Each structure stands twice: as structure tokens, then as C-alpha cells.
Protein backbone atom coordinates (compact mmCIF):
# COMPACT_ATOMS: atom_id res chain seq x y z
CA MET A 1 -80.92 57.84 -81.92
CA TRP A 2 -78.17 56.76 -79.52
CA ASP A 3 -75.69 59.14 -81.15
CA LEU A 4 -78.09 62.00 -80.51
CA ILE A 5 -78.64 60.83 -76.92
CA TYR A 6 -74.90 60.48 -76.24
CA ASN A 7 -74.21 63.91 -77.72
CA ALA A 8 -76.83 65.49 -75.46
CA PHE A 9 -76.26 63.53 -72.24
CA GLY A 10 -73.06 61.45 -72.56
CA LYS A 11 -70.82 63.89 -70.68
CA TYR A 12 -73.09 63.79 -67.65
CA PRO A 13 -73.24 60.39 -65.89
CA SER A 14 -76.29 61.32 -63.78
CA GLN A 15 -78.20 62.44 -66.85
CA MET A 16 -77.26 59.26 -68.75
CA LYS A 17 -78.41 57.20 -65.78
CA ILE A 18 -81.81 58.90 -66.04
CA ILE A 19 -81.99 58.47 -69.82
CA LYS A 20 -81.17 54.77 -69.60
CA TYR A 21 -83.84 54.33 -66.94
CA LEU A 22 -86.45 56.15 -69.04
CA VAL A 23 -85.71 54.02 -72.10
CA ASN A 24 -85.45 50.77 -70.15
CA TYR A 25 -88.82 51.23 -68.45
CA GLY A 26 -90.61 53.06 -71.25
CA PHE A 27 -91.14 56.36 -69.43
CA SER A 28 -92.27 59.07 -71.81
CA VAL A 29 -92.00 62.85 -71.69
CA ASN A 30 -95.22 64.64 -72.59
CA GLU A 31 -96.93 67.95 -72.17
CA LYS A 32 -98.93 68.15 -68.97
CA PHE A 33 -100.58 71.46 -69.88
CA ASP A 34 -99.65 74.78 -71.52
CA GLY A 35 -95.91 74.37 -71.87
CA GLU A 36 -95.35 72.31 -68.73
CA PHE A 37 -93.89 68.88 -69.34
CA SER A 38 -93.60 65.82 -67.18
CA LEU A 39 -92.61 62.15 -67.11
CA TYR A 40 -95.22 59.46 -67.65
CA SER A 41 -95.49 55.73 -67.28
CA GLY A 42 -98.34 55.14 -69.67
CA LYS A 43 -100.88 57.80 -68.69
CA VAL A 44 -99.68 58.03 -65.09
CA GLU A 45 -97.56 61.05 -64.26
CA VAL A 46 -94.28 60.31 -62.51
CA ARG A 47 -92.95 63.14 -60.41
CA PRO A 48 -89.29 64.05 -60.94
CA SER A 49 -88.70 63.64 -57.21
CA SER A 50 -90.05 60.06 -57.32
CA LEU A 51 -87.76 59.10 -60.18
CA ALA A 52 -84.80 60.86 -58.55
CA GLU A 53 -85.35 58.95 -55.32
CA ALA A 54 -85.72 55.62 -57.13
CA ILE A 55 -82.44 55.91 -59.04
CA VAL A 56 -80.55 58.04 -56.50
CA VAL A 57 -79.99 61.27 -58.40
CA ASP A 58 -80.87 64.85 -57.59
CA LYS A 59 -84.39 65.92 -58.54
CA ARG A 60 -82.95 68.98 -60.32
CA VAL A 61 -81.02 66.69 -62.67
CA VAL A 62 -84.26 64.90 -63.62
CA ILE A 63 -85.89 68.27 -64.33
CA GLN A 64 -82.84 69.27 -66.39
CA VAL A 65 -83.10 66.06 -68.46
CA ILE A 66 -86.80 66.67 -69.14
CA LYS A 67 -86.01 70.21 -70.30
CA LYS A 68 -83.22 69.01 -72.61
CA ILE A 69 -85.54 66.41 -74.11
CA VAL A 70 -88.32 68.94 -74.68
CA ASP A 71 -85.93 71.50 -76.20
CA ASP A 72 -84.65 69.06 -78.84
CA PRO A 73 -87.34 68.16 -81.42
CA LYS A 74 -85.80 64.78 -82.30
CA LEU A 75 -85.30 63.75 -78.67
CA PHE A 76 -88.80 64.92 -77.80
CA GLU A 77 -90.32 62.99 -80.71
CA PHE A 78 -88.55 59.84 -79.49
CA PHE A 79 -89.33 60.22 -75.78
CA LYS A 80 -92.96 61.20 -76.19
CA LYS A 81 -93.63 57.86 -77.94
CA LEU A 82 -92.08 55.53 -75.36
CA LYS A 83 -94.47 53.09 -73.70
CA PRO A 84 -94.06 50.72 -70.77
CA ILE A 85 -94.43 46.99 -71.40
CA ALA A 86 -95.30 44.30 -68.89
CA ASP A 87 -92.36 41.93 -68.59
CA MET A 88 -94.00 38.56 -67.93
CA SER A 89 -90.61 36.89 -67.62
CA SER A 90 -90.13 38.37 -64.19
CA ALA A 91 -93.18 36.47 -62.93
CA SER A 92 -92.76 32.95 -61.64
CA SER A 93 -93.07 30.30 -64.33
CA LYS A 94 -94.74 28.03 -61.77
CA LEU A 95 -97.27 30.72 -60.91
CA LEU A 96 -98.24 31.30 -64.53
CA ASP A 97 -97.55 27.74 -65.77
CA LEU A 98 -95.52 29.19 -68.63
CA GLY A 99 -92.05 28.48 -69.92
CA ILE A 100 -89.51 31.20 -69.31
CA ILE A 101 -85.94 31.04 -70.59
CA GLU A 102 -83.16 33.58 -70.41
CA ILE A 103 -80.57 33.72 -73.17
CA LYS A 104 -77.18 35.42 -73.08
CA ALA A 105 -75.40 35.89 -76.37
CA GLU A 106 -71.66 35.88 -76.94
CA ASP A 107 -72.13 39.03 -79.02
CA PRO A 108 -75.58 40.62 -78.51
CA SER A 109 -75.24 42.63 -81.72
CA LYS A 110 -74.91 39.48 -83.85
CA PRO A 111 -78.03 39.11 -86.02
CA GLY A 112 -80.16 35.98 -86.14
CA ILE A 113 -79.80 34.62 -82.61
CA ILE A 114 -83.34 35.42 -81.47
CA SER A 115 -84.90 34.26 -84.74
CA SER A 116 -83.02 30.94 -84.42
CA VAL A 117 -84.33 30.48 -80.86
CA ILE A 118 -87.88 31.29 -81.98
CA ASN A 119 -87.56 28.79 -84.86
CA VAL A 120 -86.49 26.00 -82.51
CA ILE A 121 -89.42 26.69 -80.17
CA SER A 122 -92.07 27.19 -82.84
CA ASN A 123 -90.93 24.13 -84.81
CA ARG A 124 -91.88 22.13 -81.72
CA GLY A 125 -95.41 23.57 -81.83
CA ILE A 126 -94.96 25.72 -78.72
CA GLY A 127 -96.60 29.14 -78.73
CA ILE A 128 -94.56 32.17 -77.77
CA ARG A 129 -96.28 34.69 -75.48
CA GLN A 130 -93.54 37.26 -75.23
CA VAL A 131 -89.94 38.02 -76.18
CA MET A 132 -88.14 40.69 -74.16
CA VAL A 133 -84.66 41.72 -75.26
CA SER A 134 -82.58 44.21 -73.32
CA ASP A 135 -80.74 46.75 -75.41
CA PRO A 136 -76.97 46.15 -75.25
CA ILE A 137 -76.42 49.90 -75.29
CA ILE A 138 -78.32 50.52 -72.05
CA SER A 139 -77.76 47.22 -70.29
CA ASP A 140 -74.47 46.10 -68.77
CA GLU A 141 -75.55 42.47 -69.15
CA PRO A 142 -78.00 42.25 -72.06
CA VAL A 143 -80.27 39.21 -72.11
CA ALA A 144 -83.25 37.95 -74.02
CA ARG A 145 -86.16 36.35 -72.20
CA VAL A 146 -88.63 34.19 -74.04
CA VAL A 147 -91.99 33.37 -72.45
CA THR A 148 -93.74 30.34 -73.94
CA GLU A 149 -97.23 28.85 -73.58
CA THR A 150 -95.80 25.77 -71.88
CA PRO A 151 -92.51 25.05 -70.10
CA ILE A 152 -89.56 24.20 -72.34
CA SER A 153 -88.23 20.63 -72.15
CA THR A 154 -84.57 19.87 -71.47
CA GLU A 155 -84.38 18.45 -75.02
CA ILE A 156 -85.42 21.81 -76.49
CA MET A 157 -83.06 23.63 -74.11
CA GLY A 158 -80.22 21.47 -75.45
CA GLU A 159 -81.17 22.35 -79.01
CA ILE A 160 -81.25 26.07 -78.17
CA LYS A 161 -77.81 25.86 -76.47
CA LYS A 162 -76.35 24.58 -79.76
CA ILE A 163 -77.35 27.75 -81.66
CA SER A 164 -74.32 29.65 -82.89
CA GLY A 165 -73.62 32.77 -80.83
CA ILE A 166 -75.38 31.69 -77.64
CA ASP A 167 -73.32 31.94 -74.48
CA SER A 168 -75.87 30.49 -72.04
CA VAL A 169 -79.52 29.48 -71.70
CA VAL A 170 -81.23 29.29 -68.31
CA MET A 171 -84.73 28.12 -67.47
CA LEU A 172 -86.39 30.52 -65.04
């Protein structure tokens, strides 16, 4: 999919900025009515001017991106299925009484890092509420955030830090 996206938008930094934002936040492109298309966060319409203002691009560029997406069947199929997800890791761990850790990998494309972290946590009998992983293609500093039923002990943190390929682990 990223090859298709880069071919369509890669030469235009403002358009790529919009695309990365749409993917990162799960904004979809869907038909509003009779051939008119719009951006959506879930079922809530997001006006091109609102998005443009939020990410500091011209509204016309947002409209252009929507049109390009709609005009390409593969892009449209991808973007119409995007959905926003609540990122519980951005909430305070004290407020929710959950464990929240952030993991940075030496090489985010290396397989097995997240599964190793999950194994360490689950082997200790701790439930996992959510795992959010930023895509290294759209994020300058990709991280994984793991939200657990209870806070993670320093002993478990030490065990996680020993996993091959992990650069850092921080308790949030």
C-alpha cells in the first residue's frame, strides 16, 4: 500500500503530510451523498478546512488529496476502511490505575520484539488492555505503547529491557 501512496503523493510534501495524518489518526474518506466525498473520524464528518488548519496546509490541498483518493480504486478501498482508535496510553496511568510502558526498538522493522514483550508481561499473569504501535513509515520516532491491567514492576521492566532489539523502555 505504501508504494501506491508514495507514487500518488510522494512528490508533494503537503499531500504526504495529509496522508500521514489520515493514516495515523484513522480518518477515512467516504461518500457523503451522490458523488460528494468527505473525510470522517468514525461517523463524524471532518471538514477539509478543519484538517487544513490543524496540520497547517491549504484547504485546497486537502480537497485535492480527497479527490486523488476517490479517483484511485485501491486508495479509496484502503481509505474508506480506516477507523480511529482510542489510544489509552496517552491517559495518565495514575488516573486509570493501569500500567503504561513505551518501547523504542533499535530497528522497528525487526520481527518479534512486541511478541517478546507481550510474553514477558503475560507470563507474569498481567492482562494487556491495549498495544499501540506507530508505523515506522509514517512516524519519525516509532514507538510501541503497552497498556496493562496493573502497573509494571521494575523487575518486569528490567526483563523487558533485556529483550534483543529494544533500545529503551519507559514507564509512563
